[in-house]
Amino acid sequence: MAKSFSNAEREVIRQRLFAVGLERFLRQGIRGVRVDDLCRDAGIAKGSFYTFFSSKEELFMAIARERDQKHQADMRLFLARTNGGSPEDRAAGFFDLVMGKIQSDPMLHVVTDFGDLEYLLRKIPPELLAENHASDRQFVKELTRLWNALELGRPIETKDFQALMTLMVALHMQRRTMPADHLTNTIDLLREIFIDRLTKKTSQ
């Protein structure tokens, strides 16, 4: 029987699982990690693990969500700044911020470097996947509203903002298939398109 934990103990163990999970996933990928290893690293019984997460994949998604929340907070902060320069400077800075997060986020590296994306999509419950998609769409809707509130020109539509950010992620996930100079040139072109669209120069 799994041990009963106080709220304070649960939070400590949850953060410990996040830490050991991140380390394991980065080193072994999702498929290579075993729940037994996570429990040993965290110093808990296997039965206790399942009082927190139903699977290692759910733990992975929880770690990814926590990191996403930090990224989102940074994006909101960037758009909240009142002295950001010209519209082009603001759009360029925002692209660089987002692209930097995409390129450096360890959880995204796990699913791309180990080829675990299809595995993860098969393993996580459809309702969890739908919840994450809905949360992502809601956040992009918020970003669109925040950008348009800056009144830097003709408003951009949420679908266009969504498409641009999807292209950024997709490009990063294909980086290993492209020569370095091709990748750099493609990122530069996408950056120009991003700036152009967000500064309302492109006809709708």
Protein backbone atom coordinates (compact mmCIF):
# COMPACT_ATOMS: atom_id res chain seq x y z
CA MET A 1 0.00 0.00 0.00
CA ALA A 2 1.30 3.45 -0.89
CA LYS A 3 2.25 5.66 2.00
CA SER A 4 0.04 8.63 2.82
CA PHE A 5 1.86 11.95 2.57
CA SER A 6 1.11 15.37 3.99
CA ASN A 7 0.66 18.25 1.55
CA ALA A 8 4.17 19.50 2.34
CA GLU A 9 5.65 16.04 1.81
CA ARG A 10 3.77 15.66 -1.46
CA GLU A 11 5.20 18.89 -2.80
CA VAL A 12 8.74 17.91 -1.81
CA ILE A 13 8.39 14.50 -3.47
CA ARG A 14 6.75 15.98 -6.55
CA GLN A 15 9.64 18.41 -7.04
CA ARG A 16 12.12 15.58 -6.42
CA LEU A 17 10.41 13.51 -9.11
CA PHE A 18 10.56 16.50 -11.45
CA ALA A 19 14.31 16.82 -10.84
CA VAL A 20 15.21 13.15 -11.21
CA GLY A 21 12.76 12.78 -14.10
CA LEU A 22 14.34 15.64 -16.03
CA GLU A 23 17.80 14.20 -15.50
CA ARG A 24 16.73 10.72 -16.58
CA PHE A 25 14.73 11.84 -19.60
CA LEU A 26 17.61 14.00 -20.85
CA ARG A 27 20.04 11.09 -20.52
CA GLN A 28 17.86 8.19 -21.68
CA GLY A 29 14.86 9.55 -23.54
CA ILE A 30 11.31 8.70 -22.52
CA ARG A 31 11.36 5.10 -23.69
CA GLY A 32 14.64 4.37 -21.94
CA VAL A 33 13.46 5.47 -18.49
CA ARG A 34 11.90 2.99 -16.06
CA VAL A 35 9.57 3.88 -13.22
CA ASP A 36 11.75 1.72 -10.94
CA ASP A 37 14.73 3.95 -11.71
CA LEU A 38 12.74 7.12 -11.03
CA CYS A 39 11.57 5.73 -7.69
CA ARG A 40 15.07 4.72 -6.67
CA ASP A 41 16.45 8.14 -7.61
CA ALA A 42 13.67 9.91 -5.74
CA GLY A 43 13.85 7.63 -2.71
CA ILE A 44 10.23 6.51 -2.81
CA ALA A 45 8.42 3.19 -3.19
CA LYS A 46 7.03 2.27 -6.60
CA GLY A 47 3.51 2.29 -5.20
CA SER A 48 4.02 5.84 -4.02
CA PHE A 49 4.98 6.96 -7.53
CA TYR A 50 1.50 6.09 -8.78
CA THR A 51 -0.12 8.34 -6.19
CA PHE A 52 1.50 11.22 -8.06
CA PHE A 53 1.54 10.11 -11.71
CA SER A 54 -0.14 7.31 -13.61
CA SER A 55 2.93 6.74 -15.79
CA LYS A 56 6.40 8.03 -16.63
CA GLU A 57 4.83 9.72 -19.66
CA GLU A 58 2.49 11.68 -17.41
CA LEU A 59 5.51 12.76 -15.34
CA PHE A 60 7.21 13.92 -18.54
CA MET A 61 4.16 15.96 -19.52
CA ALA A 62 3.95 17.50 -16.04
CA ILE A 63 7.59 18.60 -16.23
CA ALA A 64 6.98 20.01 -19.70
CA ARG A 65 3.91 21.92 -18.50
CA GLU A 66 5.83 23.46 -15.61
CA ARG A 67 8.54 24.64 -18.01
CA ASP A 68 5.89 25.95 -20.41
CA GLN A 69 4.42 28.05 -17.63
CA LYS A 70 7.82 29.65 -17.02
CA HIS A 71 8.24 30.34 -20.72
CA GLN A 72 4.78 31.85 -20.91
CA ALA A 73 5.49 34.13 -17.96
CA ASP A 74 8.62 35.41 -19.74
CA MET A 75 6.64 36.07 -22.93
CA ARG A 76 3.98 38.00 -21.04
CA LEU A 77 6.67 40.05 -19.32
CA PHE A 78 8.30 40.88 -22.65
CA LEU A 79 5.03 42.11 -24.13
CA ALA A 80 4.23 44.08 -20.98
CA ARG A 81 7.32 46.25 -21.32
CA THR A 82 6.36 49.78 -22.30
CA ASN A 83 9.71 50.87 -23.72
CA GLY A 84 10.59 48.29 -26.34
CA GLY A 85 11.67 50.36 -29.32
CA SER A 86 10.12 50.37 -32.78
CA PRO A 87 7.46 47.84 -33.83
CA GLU A 88 10.12 45.99 -35.82
CA ASP A 89 12.43 45.89 -32.79
CA ARG A 90 9.62 44.59 -30.60
CA ALA A 91 8.69 41.87 -33.09
CA ALA A 92 12.33 40.88 -33.62
CA GLY A 93 12.96 40.73 -29.89
CA PHE A 94 9.88 38.60 -29.35
CA PHE A 95 10.90 36.19 -32.12
CA ASP A 96 14.38 35.87 -30.63
CA LEU A 97 12.92 35.23 -27.18
CA VAL A 98 10.55 32.52 -28.38
CA MET A 99 13.03 30.88 -30.74
CA GLY A 100 15.65 30.88 -28.01
CA LYS A 101 13.29 29.08 -25.67
CA ILE A 102 12.39 26.53 -28.35
CA GLN A 103 16.05 25.87 -29.13
CA SER A 104 17.11 25.54 -25.49
CA ASP A 105 14.15 23.78 -23.89
CA PRO A 106 15.33 20.37 -22.65
CA MET A 107 11.94 18.67 -22.91
CA LEU A 108 11.66 19.50 -26.59
CA HIS A 109 15.18 18.17 -27.07
CA VAL A 110 14.14 14.85 -25.51
CA VAL A 111 11.32 14.20 -27.98
CA THR A 112 13.42 15.30 -30.98
CA ASP A 113 16.86 13.94 -30.11
CA PHE A 114 15.58 10.52 -29.03
CA GLY A 115 12.78 10.32 -31.62
CA ASP A 116 10.24 9.89 -28.84
CA LEU A 117 7.45 12.16 -30.12
CA GLU A 118 5.34 9.45 -31.77
CA TYR A 119 5.89 7.18 -28.77
CA LEU A 120 4.75 9.92 -26.40
CA LEU A 121 1.64 10.67 -28.47
CA ARG A 122 0.69 7.00 -28.37
CA LYS A 123 1.18 6.69 -24.64
CA ILE A 124 -0.48 9.78 -23.18
CA PRO A 125 -4.28 9.68 -22.73
CA PRO A 126 -6.23 11.48 -25.48
CA GLU A 127 -7.89 13.73 -22.92
CA LEU A 128 -4.49 14.90 -21.64
CA LEU A 129 -3.36 15.61 -25.18
CA ALA A 130 -6.57 17.54 -25.87
CA GLU A 131 -6.14 19.49 -22.63
CA ASN A 132 -2.61 20.51 -23.63
CA HIS A 133 -3.70 21.55 -27.11
CA ALA A 134 -6.53 23.63 -25.67
CA SER A 135 -4.15 25.26 -23.19
CA ASP A 136 -1.69 26.09 -25.98
CA ARG A 137 -4.42 27.59 -28.14
CA GLN A 138 -5.67 29.69 -25.23
CA PHE A 139 -2.18 31.00 -24.57
CA VAL A 140 -1.64 31.97 -28.20
CA LYS A 141 -4.99 33.73 -28.10
CA GLU A 142 -3.74 35.65 -25.05
CA LEU A 143 -0.47 36.52 -26.81
CA THR A 144 -2.41 37.81 -29.80
CA ARG A 145 -4.51 40.02 -27.55
CA LEU A 146 -1.42 41.34 -25.74
CA TRP A 147 0.38 42.11 -28.98
CA ASN A 148 -2.63 43.81 -30.54
CA ALA A 149 -3.08 45.88 -27.38
CA LEU A 150 0.27 47.50 -28.15
CA GLU A 151 -1.46 49.14 -31.14
CA LEU A 152 1.54 48.89 -33.41
CA GLY A 153 -0.60 48.73 -36.53
CA ARG A 154 -3.23 46.51 -38.08
CA PRO A 155 -4.16 43.69 -35.65
CA ILE A 156 -2.86 40.19 -36.31
CA GLU A 157 -5.28 37.28 -36.12
CA THR A 158 -4.84 34.46 -33.63
CA LYS A 159 -4.64 31.87 -36.42
CA ASP A 160 -1.69 33.71 -37.96
CA PHE A 161 0.10 33.98 -34.62
CA GLN A 162 -0.54 30.27 -34.08
CA ALA A 163 0.79 29.40 -37.54
CA LEU A 164 3.98 31.41 -37.04
CA MET A 165 4.76 29.76 -33.70
CA THR A 166 3.96 26.33 -35.12
CA LEU A 167 6.46 26.96 -37.92
CA MET A 168 9.10 27.90 -35.35
CA VAL A 169 8.65 24.64 -33.45
CA ALA A 170 8.45 22.56 -36.63
CA LEU A 171 11.64 24.11 -37.99
CA HIS A 172 13.49 23.35 -34.78
CA MET A 173 12.31 19.73 -34.81
CA GLN A 174 13.73 19.32 -38.33
CA ARG A 175 17.07 20.90 -37.50
CA ARG A 176 19.00 17.61 -37.63
CA THR A 177 17.90 16.99 -41.22
CA MET A 178 19.32 20.30 -42.48
CA PRO A 179 22.87 21.52 -43.10
CA ALA A 180 23.86 24.20 -40.58
CA ASP A 181 23.95 27.02 -43.13
CA HIS A 182 20.55 26.00 -44.53
CA LEU A 183 19.08 25.96 -41.03
CA THR A 184 20.50 29.41 -40.25
CA ASN A 185 19.17 30.86 -43.50
CA THR A 186 15.75 29.32 -42.91
CA ILE A 187 15.55 30.71 -39.38
CA ASP A 188 16.56 34.14 -40.69
CA LEU A 189 13.83 34.01 -43.34
CA LEU A 190 11.22 32.91 -40.82
CA ARG A 191 12.33 35.77 -38.57
CA GLU A 192 11.76 38.25 -41.40
CA ILE A 193 8.29 36.82 -42.06
CA PHE A 194 7.47 36.94 -38.34
CA ILE A 195 8.52 40.60 -38.06
CA ASP A 196 6.70 41.50 -41.25
CA ARG A 197 3.45 39.88 -40.15
CA LEU A 198 3.52 41.23 -36.60
CA THR A 199 4.28 44.76 -37.71
CA LYS A 200 1.29 44.65 -40.04
CA LYS A 201 3.13 45.21 -43.31
CA THR A 202 1.76 42.11 -45.02
CA SER A 203 -1.64 42.48 -46.64
CA GLN A 204 -4.30 40.27 -45.11
